């Protein structure tokens, strides 16, 4: 059976194809390009699978921000929490864990026991605890995002709780002549401080990191003091799309 999963993200659309329980294809396309170049509209959005070089699909599942605004014809929609939990189970084989997903515009913390969601916390209102915040601060510092992720020692204190005010505060620190390494570490630590309150009510042995910020070395170092085991998903950015495939497989959708 061939299962297609699509995660309609705010910045990028992630696509995964599962065949007989194994992922055989993955692709990532900017959200604008996906809708402009690979879709048409006829009451519902129609994905041109031929243009994506995908064929002979038995079932298709979609998730992500776009799921709330765009109905994909022939796709079964599921919510993001379910997709990311299924993706984490598929990638790790674990049934008991805390899932932390830091996306471009939101943060999700989900507690899973025996493969079931038992509690969750969401932040969809404040950009200061999302990947977009890190991108903006990296641009101000004129540092590549992947390089920003490596700094965690001796962080400068950044106290603003708003993404917009944080930019002004960071510029002030630059003007004071503080070293770039401390500034980068300060940005990472400020994000950690914002996500920690979401994690305090969740106790567990395994913390699984998903989303575009999962590869942030600094955040991972700060989290080591809070959890016994930190697991960074191999396909962290594709986790939602993988979860869609695995959901279709588990539910035997046709």
Protein backbone atom coordinates (compact mmCIF):
# COMPACT_ATOMS: atom_id res chain seq x y z
CA UNK A 1 0.00 0.00 0.00
CA UNK A 2 1.22 3.50 -0.87
CA UNK A 3 0.38 6.24 1.66
CA UNK A 4 0.87 9.94 0.94
CA UNK A 5 1.25 12.47 3.76
CA UNK A 6 1.34 16.25 3.37
CA UNK A 7 2.10 18.76 6.13
CA UNK A 8 0.89 22.21 5.05
CA UNK A 9 3.22 24.41 7.07
CA UNK A 10 3.18 28.20 7.34
CA UNK A 11 6.51 28.48 5.52
CA UNK A 12 7.02 25.12 3.83
CA UNK A 13 4.97 22.15 2.70
CA UNK A 14 6.49 18.78 3.60
CA UNK A 15 5.58 15.70 1.58
CA UNK A 16 6.25 12.05 2.44
CA UNK A 17 5.37 8.83 0.66
CA UNK A 18 5.19 5.47 2.46
CA UNK A 19 5.19 2.17 0.63
CA UNK A 20 4.56 -1.06 2.54
CA UNK A 21 5.40 0.61 5.84
CA UNK A 22 8.63 2.29 4.68
CA UNK A 23 9.26 5.88 3.63
CA UNK A 24 10.38 5.90 -0.01
CA UNK A 25 10.12 9.60 -0.89
CA UNK A 26 10.32 12.97 0.85
CA UNK A 27 10.15 16.49 -0.51
CA UNK A 28 9.99 20.02 0.86
CA UNK A 29 8.52 22.95 -1.08
CA UNK A 30 7.91 26.56 -0.10
CA UNK A 31 4.24 27.06 0.74
CA UNK A 32 3.80 29.73 -1.94
CA UNK A 33 5.38 27.56 -4.63
CA UNK A 34 3.28 24.56 -3.61
CA UNK A 35 -0.04 26.36 -3.99
CA UNK A 36 1.06 28.29 -7.08
CA UNK A 37 2.84 25.57 -9.04
CA UNK A 38 1.36 22.26 -7.86
CA UNK A 39 -2.29 23.01 -7.09
CA UNK A 40 -5.48 24.10 -8.84
CA UNK A 41 -8.84 25.06 -7.39
CA UNK A 42 -12.26 23.56 -8.08
CA UNK A 43 -14.34 24.10 -4.96
CA UNK A 44 -11.47 22.46 -3.09
CA UNK A 45 -7.74 22.61 -3.65
CA UNK A 46 -6.55 19.85 -5.98
CA UNK A 47 -2.95 18.71 -5.68
CA UNK A 48 -1.36 17.82 -9.01
CA UNK A 49 0.41 14.61 -8.03
CA UNK A 50 1.72 14.14 -11.56
CA UNK A 51 3.71 17.39 -11.27
CA UNK A 52 5.07 16.13 -7.94
CA UNK A 53 6.11 12.90 -9.69
CA UNK A 54 3.84 10.85 -7.39
CA UNK A 55 1.45 8.19 -8.66
CA UNK A 56 -0.55 5.09 -7.70
CA UNK A 57 -1.59 6.35 -4.24
CA UNK A 58 -3.88 4.19 -2.10
CA UNK A 59 -4.61 6.83 0.57
CA UNK A 60 -3.72 10.47 1.30
CA UNK A 61 -3.70 12.37 4.61
CA UNK A 62 -3.03 16.07 5.23
CA UNK A 63 -2.23 18.16 8.30
CA UNK A 64 -0.75 21.54 9.21
CA UNK A 65 -1.80 25.18 9.24
CA UNK A 66 -3.14 24.93 5.71
CA UNK A 67 -5.53 22.21 6.83
CA UNK A 68 -7.57 24.91 8.59
CA UNK A 69 -7.82 27.13 5.51
CA UNK A 70 -7.33 24.87 2.50
CA UNK A 71 -9.24 21.66 1.95
CA UNK A 72 -7.26 19.31 -0.25
CA UNK A 73 -9.52 17.22 -2.44
CA UNK A 74 -9.05 13.45 -1.93
CA UNK A 75 -7.07 14.01 1.31
CA UNK A 76 -8.28 13.06 4.78
CA UNK A 77 -7.35 15.91 7.18
CA UNK A 78 -6.07 15.24 10.70
CA UNK A 79 -4.99 17.77 13.33
CA UNK A 80 -1.32 18.62 13.83
CA UNK A 81 -1.07 17.12 17.31
CA UNK A 82 -2.22 13.72 16.10
CA UNK A 83 0.09 13.89 13.06
CA UNK A 84 3.17 14.78 15.09
CA UNK A 85 2.48 12.15 17.75
CA UNK A 86 2.04 9.46 15.10
CA UNK A 87 5.25 10.69 13.46
CA UNK A 88 7.18 10.46 16.73
CA UNK A 89 5.90 6.94 17.40
CA UNK A 90 6.82 5.90 13.85
CA UNK A 91 10.34 7.33 14.08
CA UNK A 92 11.23 6.14 17.60
CA UNK A 93 9.00 3.17 18.36
CA UNK A 94 8.34 4.71 21.80
CA UNK A 95 4.88 4.80 23.38
CA UNK A 96 5.69 6.94 26.45
CA UNK A 97 7.26 10.35 25.92
CA UNK A 98 6.95 14.13 26.00
CA UNK A 99 6.92 15.68 22.52
CA UNK A 100 8.22 19.22 22.07
CA UNK A 101 7.58 20.63 18.62
CA UNK A 102 8.82 24.16 17.91
CA UNK A 103 7.51 25.25 14.54
CA UNK A 104 7.85 28.42 12.53
CA UNK A 105 4.92 30.09 14.28
CA UNK A 106 3.97 28.00 17.29
CA UNK A 107 5.04 25.58 20.01
CA UNK A 108 3.40 22.29 20.97
CA UNK A 109 4.10 20.17 24.06
CA UNK A 110 2.32 16.82 24.18
CA UNK A 111 2.43 14.07 26.79
CA UNK A 112 1.96 10.57 25.41
CA UNK A 113 1.38 7.46 27.52
CA UNK A 114 0.92 3.99 26.04
CA UNK A 115 0.70 5.60 22.62
CA UNK A 116 -2.19 7.88 23.61
CA UNK A 117 -2.28 11.66 24.07
CA UNK A 118 -3.03 12.38 27.74
CA UNK A 119 -2.16 16.09 27.99
CA UNK A 120 -0.99 18.97 25.83
CA UNK A 121 -0.03 22.64 25.86
CA UNK A 122 -0.08 24.97 22.87
CA UNK A 123 1.22 28.45 22.16
CA UNK A 124 -0.03 29.83 18.86
CA UNK A 125 -0.25 33.51 19.77
CA UNK A 126 3.29 34.70 20.52
CA UNK A 127 6.07 34.70 17.92
CA UNK A 128 8.72 35.02 20.67
CA UNK A 129 8.61 31.27 21.31
CA UNK A 130 8.80 30.08 17.72
CA UNK A 131 11.27 29.43 14.95
CA UNK A 132 10.35 32.73 13.30
CA UNK A 133 11.78 34.53 16.35
CA UNK A 134 15.15 32.81 15.86
CA UNK A 135 15.15 33.62 12.15
CA UNK A 136 14.51 37.31 12.82
CA UNK A 137 17.20 37.52 15.47
CA UNK A 138 19.71 35.71 13.24
CA UNK A 139 19.02 38.26 10.53
CA UNK A 140 19.69 41.13 12.93
CA UNK A 141 22.95 39.51 14.02
CA UNK A 142 23.81 38.73 10.38
CA UNK A 143 24.60 35.15 11.38
CA UNK A 144 23.41 32.02 9.52
CA UNK A 145 20.67 30.26 11.45
CA UNK A 146 22.59 26.98 11.72
CA UNK A 147 25.55 28.86 13.20
CA UNK A 148 23.30 30.68 15.68
CA UNK A 149 22.15 27.25 16.91
CA UNK A 150 25.67 26.33 18.09
CA UNK A 151 26.13 29.05 20.74
CA UNK A 152 24.98 28.40 24.30
CA UNK A 153 27.80 29.37 26.67
CA UNK A 154 27.70 32.57 28.76
CA UNK A 155 24.49 33.97 27.22
CA UNK A 156 23.78 37.68 27.52
CA UNK A 157 20.55 38.36 29.40
CA UNK A 158 17.61 39.32 27.17
CA UNK A 159 14.55 40.20 29.24
CA UNK A 160 11.93 41.27 26.69
CA UNK A 161 9.01 38.86 26.43
CA UNK A 162 7.83 40.24 23.08
CA UNK A 163 9.52 39.34 19.79
CA UNK A 164 9.34 42.94 18.55
CA UNK A 165 10.80 44.45 21.73
CA UNK A 166 13.44 41.70 21.83
CA UNK A 167 14.79 42.94 18.51
CA UNK A 168 15.26 46.44 19.93
CA UNK A 169 16.87 45.02 23.07
CA UNK A 170 19.27 42.93 20.99
CA UNK A 171 20.28 45.94 18.90
CA UNK A 172 21.02 47.79 22.14
CA UNK A 173 23.28 44.92 23.27
CA UNK A 174 25.08 45.02 19.93
CA UNK A 175 25.69 48.74 20.43
CA UNK A 176 27.24 47.97 23.83
CA UNK A 177 29.90 45.92 22.03
CA UNK A 178 28.97 42.54 23.51
CA UNK A 179 30.62 39.59 21.74
CA UNK A 180 28.65 37.92 18.97
CA UNK A 181 28.97 34.52 20.69
CA UNK A 182 27.25 35.83 23.84
CA UNK A 183 24.57 37.56 21.78
CA UNK A 184 23.76 34.35 19.88
CA UNK A 185 23.73 32.36 23.11
CA UNK A 186 21.44 34.98 24.62
CA UNK A 187 18.94 34.58 21.79
CA UNK A 188 18.91 30.80 22.24
CA UNK A 189 18.62 31.04 26.01
CA UNK A 190 15.77 33.54 25.76
CA UNK A 191 13.83 31.03 23.65
CA UNK A 192 14.58 28.28 26.19
CA UNK A 193 13.24 30.51 29.00
CA UNK A 194 10.01 31.01 27.05
CA UNK A 195 9.40 27.33 26.35
CA UNK A 196 10.37 26.07 29.82
CA UNK A 197 7.07 27.11 31.48
CA UNK A 198 5.24 24.96 28.93
CA UNK A 199 7.36 21.97 29.96
CA UNK A 200 7.22 22.32 33.76
CA UNK A 201 3.85 20.57 34.08
CA UNK A 202 5.01 17.60 31.99
CA UNK A 203 7.10 14.96 33.73
CA UNK A 204 8.62 12.03 31.90
CA UNK A 205 11.85 10.23 31.08
CA UNK A 206 12.00 10.84 27.33
CA UNK A 207 11.73 14.23 25.64
CA UNK A 208 11.37 14.02 21.86
CA UNK A 209 12.23 17.11 19.83
CA UNK A 210 10.47 17.77 16.55
CA UNK A 211 10.14 20.68 14.13
CA UNK A 212 12.65 22.99 12.52
CA UNK A 213 14.23 23.99 15.85
CA UNK A 214 14.94 20.38 16.88
CA UNK A 215 18.47 20.72 15.52
CA UNK A 216 19.24 23.71 17.76
CA UNK A 217 22.29 22.48 19.71
CA UNK A 218 21.97 25.26 22.27
CA UNK A 219 18.33 24.51 23.14
CA UNK A 220 19.18 20.82 23.41
CA UNK A 221 22.00 21.59 25.87
CA UNK A 222 19.72 23.70 28.05
CA UNK A 223 17.05 20.97 28.06
CA UNK A 224 19.50 18.30 29.25
CA UNK A 225 19.17 19.59 32.80
CA UNK A 226 15.39 19.05 32.70
CA UNK A 227 15.03 15.58 31.17
CA UNK A 228 16.86 12.28 31.51
CA UNK A 229 16.95 11.59 27.77
CA UNK A 230 16.70 14.01 24.85
CA UNK A 231 15.79 12.43 21.50
CA UNK A 232 16.13 14.54 18.34
CA UNK A 233 14.09 13.01 15.55
CA UNK A 234 16.11 12.11 12.49
CA UNK A 235 13.46 13.62 10.22
CA UNK A 236 12.33 16.34 12.61
CA UNK A 237 11.04 18.71 9.92
CA UNK A 238 9.14 15.94 8.12
CA UNK A 239 7.61 14.53 11.30
CA UNK A 240 4.09 15.80 10.56
CA UNK A 241 4.09 14.37 7.03
CA UNK A 242 5.51 11.06 8.28
CA UNK A 243 2.80 10.98 10.93
CA UNK A 244 0.16 11.38 8.22
CA UNK A 245 1.58 8.37 6.38
CA UNK A 246 1.76 6.30 9.54
CA UNK A 247 -1.78 7.27 10.52
CA UNK A 248 -3.03 6.08 7.13
CA UNK A 249 -1.08 2.83 7.58
CA UNK A 250 -2.34 2.21 11.13
CA UNK A 251 -5.94 3.04 10.23
CA UNK A 252 -5.64 1.10 6.95
CA UNK A 253 -7.21 3.97 5.03
CA UNK A 254 -8.29 3.41 1.43
